[in-house]
Structures are given as structure tokens and as C-alpha cells.
Amino acid sequence: MAWSLSPKSTARQSWSLSILPTSSKRGNEKRSSWLRGKIFRYSKYKAWNEGIVTSRVNPRNTSRDCARCGAKVARYNADQPAEGYTPGAPLAYCPNCQMRDNADRNASLNIGKRLLARYQQTSLKEKPQQAPLRRARRSVKTEGVTLSQDAKRVRGPSTHSARQGSSNAVGTPQEVGSRVVEPIPGISQ
């Protein structure tokens, strides 16, 4: 913080912006997740209009397994030998089936396999004769896919933001003329 005096001898405080934090890890993560959420909601909305049902798939460890045989792959850079696992490297090699491919393409094929396996697994189940008691149950993280509830909806997909409110700041409505409280009849505004 720097202090300076004006010609009329009043103390004035000025902040040096170079010493204040301009961003934080938490803030960056929040903004990143907002953007991903917007992209997902917009994609889901557009896909629904084209008759495509979307579902989120857990991408965990999809780049570590071979899309052909399921064995562990080696990820490597173009100037390195195809051995070991280098996170973020663009190429993948499976020593089991000799597959060489782009690592991102291999991961996307694994994501597609997870989605199809989950969809076929649930479509083969019969509807129970009697409705079971409703219990909260967590899915196992290794399954990686949760079915979209939008598949059974008659209307379009739900694109509402969860827990993000309808204002851009506390007490600041976005729409002109929007009210928090209904007007009371007989009292002029």
C-alpha cells in the first residue's frame, strides 16, 4: 500500500494493483466449471432438438486402457520410445494388440464403449412387477456412466442452472421490472 498527500494536505490511500492478487486457484476453478456447465447444457439442448439423447460419462482412466483389447497402454511423445506412461503425451501404444493411435481418440473410443455398455445393460433389464422401496444408492465410481433422465422426458431437456440463482450479484435482478415480492393490492408503487 502506498500513501500520498494531496495539495490540500488530506491523506489519501492508493493501492498498488501489482501486489494484490488478480486471480486465485479457487476462482479459476469456479469459472472453468461454469463454462463447462454452459457448454454441456447448450449441447444437450441442441442435441435434444435433433432427437439425440445425451448422457455424461466419467472419463476417469479412459486414456490408460486400450480401446481394442482393454490392456494398459503406453503413452509417449513422437520423439520417445513407446514405453511407460507419460501423462499428457499425444500418442498411445498397446503392447498386447500392437495398436498405435492418438491417445485422445483412444480415450474417446473408451468413453463411447462405456456409454454403450451402460445403455445396453439397462435396456435389457425387465421392469419389475412391483415397485421396490425407494432407497438412496450411490453408483460405483468404476461404472463411469449415469443415465440421463432426459431420455424419458416428453418435453425438452432441463437446461436450468442448478443453484446459481437468477441474479448476477446479491439483490441485483437481471430482468428489468422483475420483483422479488409480489405487489400488495391497494398500495401504490
Protein backbone atom coordinates (compact mmCIF):
# COMPACT_ATOMS: atom_id res chain seq x y z
CA MET A 1 0.00 0.00 0.00
CA ALA A 2 1.31 3.43 -0.85
CA TRP A 3 0.42 6.70 0.86
CA SER A 4 0.37 10.04 -0.84
CA LEU A 5 -0.66 13.55 0.16
CA SER A 6 -2.79 15.80 -1.98
CA PRO A 7 -2.09 19.56 -2.25
CA LYS A 8 -4.83 20.26 0.33
CA SER A 9 -3.00 18.08 2.91
CA THR A 10 -5.56 15.31 3.20
CA ALA A 11 -4.22 11.80 3.47
CA ARG A 12 -5.21 9.60 0.56
CA GLN A 13 -4.73 5.87 0.31
CA SER A 14 -3.91 4.27 -3.04
CA TRP A 15 -3.43 0.60 -3.73
CA SER A 16 -0.70 -0.73 -5.92
CA LEU A 17 -2.52 -3.26 -8.09
CA SER A 18 0.64 -5.23 -8.72
CA ILE A 19 0.71 -6.52 -5.12
CA LEU A 20 -2.97 -7.51 -4.96
CA PRO A 21 -3.93 -10.99 -6.12
CA THR A 22 -5.62 -10.80 -9.52
CA SER A 23 -6.82 -14.39 -9.54
CA SER A 24 -6.95 -17.41 -7.33
CA LYS A 25 -6.96 -21.12 -7.93
CA ARG A 26 -10.45 -21.43 -6.44
CA GLY A 27 -11.80 -18.61 -8.62
CA ASN A 28 -10.24 -20.09 -11.74
CA GLU A 29 -11.75 -23.50 -10.95
CA LYS A 30 -15.20 -21.95 -10.43
CA ARG A 31 -15.07 -20.07 -13.73
CA SER A 32 -13.84 -23.18 -15.51
CA SER A 33 -16.69 -25.31 -14.17
CA TRP A 34 -19.24 -22.61 -15.10
CA LEU A 35 -18.01 -22.69 -18.69
CA ARG A 36 -18.11 -26.49 -18.84
CA GLY A 37 -21.63 -26.44 -17.42
CA LYS A 38 -22.79 -23.92 -20.00
CA ILE A 39 -21.25 -25.93 -22.82
CA PHE A 40 -22.90 -29.12 -21.58
CA ARG A 41 -26.35 -27.50 -21.16
CA TYR A 42 -26.17 -25.86 -24.60
CA SER A 43 -25.00 -29.10 -26.26
CA LYS A 44 -27.75 -31.05 -24.51
CA TYR A 45 -30.34 -28.53 -25.68
CA LYS A 46 -29.12 -28.62 -29.30
CA ALA A 47 -28.88 -32.43 -29.31
CA TRP A 48 -32.42 -32.77 -27.95
CA ASN A 49 -33.75 -30.62 -30.79
CA GLU A 50 -32.08 -33.02 -33.24
CA GLY A 51 -33.52 -36.09 -31.48
CA ILE A 52 -30.28 -37.12 -29.76
CA VAL A 53 -30.25 -38.10 -26.09
CA THR A 54 -27.11 -37.09 -24.18
CA SER A 55 -25.56 -38.57 -21.08
CA ARG A 56 -22.49 -37.73 -19.03
CA VAL A 57 -19.75 -40.34 -18.87
CA ASN A 58 -16.97 -40.40 -16.31
CA PRO A 59 -13.72 -40.09 -18.31
CA ARG A 60 -11.57 -41.46 -15.48
CA ASN A 61 -8.77 -43.75 -16.71
CA THR A 62 -10.12 -43.91 -20.27
CA SER A 63 -6.75 -42.90 -21.68
CA ARG A 64 -4.93 -45.65 -19.75
CA ASP A 65 -6.77 -48.61 -21.35
CA CYS A 66 -6.64 -49.87 -24.93
CA ALA A 67 -9.91 -49.38 -26.82
CA ARG A 68 -9.41 -52.68 -28.72
CA CYS A 69 -8.35 -55.21 -26.09
CA GLY A 70 -8.64 -53.38 -22.74
CA ALA A 71 -4.96 -53.81 -21.77
CA LYS A 72 -2.91 -50.95 -20.30
CA VAL A 73 -1.38 -48.68 -22.94
CA ALA A 74 1.92 -46.81 -23.07
CA ARG A 75 1.60 -43.07 -23.70
CA TYR A 76 4.55 -41.42 -25.32
CA ASN A 77 5.70 -38.42 -27.35
CA ALA A 78 6.73 -38.75 -31.01
CA ASP A 79 10.43 -38.41 -30.18
CA GLN A 80 10.37 -41.02 -27.37
CA PRO A 81 10.24 -44.82 -27.41
CA ALA A 82 6.76 -46.35 -26.98
CA GLU A 83 7.13 -47.49 -23.38
CA GLY A 84 5.99 -46.34 -19.97
CA TYR A 85 3.22 -43.86 -19.30
CA THR A 86 3.81 -40.15 -19.84
CA PRO A 87 0.70 -38.19 -18.76
CA GLY A 88 -0.40 -35.73 -21.43
CA ALA A 89 1.59 -37.39 -24.21
CA PRO A 90 -0.29 -37.37 -27.54
CA LEU A 91 0.33 -40.97 -28.68
CA ALA A 92 -0.78 -44.34 -27.30
CA TYR A 93 0.64 -47.81 -27.93
CA CYS A 94 -0.80 -51.13 -26.73
CA PRO A 95 1.90 -53.81 -26.33
CA ASN A 96 -0.80 -56.51 -26.23
CA CYS A 97 -2.51 -55.92 -29.62
CA GLN A 98 0.12 -53.62 -31.22
CA MET A 99 -2.40 -50.76 -31.59
CA ARG A 100 -0.84 -47.32 -32.26
CA ASP A 101 -3.20 -44.37 -32.15
CA ASN A 102 -3.77 -40.86 -30.89
CA ALA A 103 -4.28 -41.00 -27.11
CA ASP A 104 -7.33 -38.70 -27.20
CA ARG A 105 -9.00 -40.82 -29.88
CA ASN A 106 -8.31 -43.96 -27.84
CA ALA A 107 -9.87 -42.30 -24.77
CA SER A 108 -12.94 -41.17 -26.74
CA LEU A 109 -13.47 -44.73 -28.03
CA ASN A 110 -13.33 -45.98 -24.43
CA ILE A 111 -15.88 -43.36 -23.37
CA GLY A 112 -18.19 -44.50 -26.18
CA LYS A 113 -17.79 -48.12 -25.09
CA ARG A 114 -18.73 -47.21 -21.52
CA LEU A 115 -21.82 -45.39 -22.70
CA LEU A 116 -22.96 -48.26 -24.94
CA ALA A 117 -22.27 -50.88 -22.26
CA ARG A 118 -24.32 -48.94 -19.72
CA TYR A 119 -27.17 -48.28 -22.15
CA GLN A 120 -27.37 -51.95 -23.22
CA GLN A 121 -27.19 -53.13 -19.62
CA THR A 122 -30.19 -51.04 -18.57
CA SER A 123 -32.24 -51.70 -21.72
CA LEU A 124 -32.02 -55.49 -21.16
CA LYS A 125 -33.48 -55.29 -17.66
CA GLU A 126 -37.18 -56.01 -17.33
CA LYS A 127 -39.47 -53.68 -15.49
CA PRO A 128 -40.21 -55.10 -12.02
CA GLN A 129 -43.76 -56.28 -11.35
CA GLN A 130 -44.00 -54.44 -8.04
CA ALA A 131 -42.29 -51.14 -7.38
CA PRO A 132 -39.48 -51.63 -4.82
CA LEU A 133 -38.97 -49.31 -1.88
CA ARG A 134 -37.10 -46.20 -2.87
CA ARG A 135 -33.65 -46.03 -1.32
CA ALA A 136 -30.84 -43.65 -1.99
CA ARG A 137 -27.96 -45.58 -3.52
CA ARG A 138 -24.68 -44.34 -4.87
CA SER A 139 -23.37 -45.81 -8.06
CA VAL A 140 -19.92 -47.34 -8.04
CA LYS A 141 -17.36 -44.90 -9.45
CA THR A 142 -15.82 -47.51 -11.71
CA GLU A 143 -19.08 -47.77 -13.71
CA GLY A 144 -18.42 -44.31 -15.06
CA VAL A 145 -21.80 -43.63 -16.67
CA THR A 146 -25.06 -42.32 -15.31
CA LEU A 147 -28.14 -42.49 -17.46
CA SER A 148 -29.72 -39.24 -18.45
CA GLN A 149 -33.19 -38.60 -17.07
CA ASP A 150 -33.88 -36.51 -20.14
CA ALA A 151 -34.27 -39.72 -22.17
CA LYS A 152 -37.69 -40.34 -20.60
CA ARG A 153 -38.92 -36.75 -20.74
CA VAL A 154 -41.72 -35.81 -23.10
CA ARG A 155 -40.70 -32.16 -23.10
CA GLY A 156 -37.27 -30.86 -23.97
CA PRO A 157 -34.25 -31.35 -21.72
CA SER A 158 -33.88 -29.46 -18.48
CA THR A 159 -31.39 -26.68 -19.13
CA HIS A 160 -31.85 -24.79 -15.87
CA SER A 161 -28.76 -23.96 -13.87
CA ALA A 162 -28.64 -25.72 -10.54
CA ARG A 163 -28.16 -23.46 -7.50
CA GLN A 164 -26.89 -20.48 -9.45
CA GLY A 165 -29.77 -18.09 -8.85
CA SER A 166 -31.33 -15.61 -11.20
CA SER A 167 -29.16 -12.62 -10.45
CA ASN A 168 -25.61 -11.63 -11.19
CA ALA A 169 -25.00 -10.17 -7.72
CA VAL A 170 -26.71 -10.17 -4.35
CA GLY A 171 -30.03 -8.36 -4.71
CA THR A 172 -29.43 -7.37 -8.34
CA PRO A 173 -32.16 -8.77 -10.59
CA GLN A 174 -31.15 -9.35 -14.20
CA GLU A 175 -34.52 -8.66 -15.77
CA VAL A 176 -35.87 -5.14 -15.83
CA GLY A 177 -39.03 -4.87 -13.77
CA SER A 178 -38.63 -8.23 -12.05
CA ARG A 179 -39.77 -8.35 -8.44
CA VAL A 180 -38.67 -10.42 -5.51
CA VAL A 181 -42.02 -9.93 -3.72
CA GLU A 182 -45.47 -9.78 -5.27
CA PRO A 183 -47.08 -6.30 -5.09
CA ILE A 184 -49.67 -5.81 -2.36
CA PRO A 185 -53.08 -4.81 -3.75
CA GLY A 186 -54.24 -1.35 -2.72
CA ILE A 187 -50.76 0.09 -2.16
CA SER A 188 -49.39 2.32 -4.89
CA GLN A 189 -45.87 1.63 -6.08
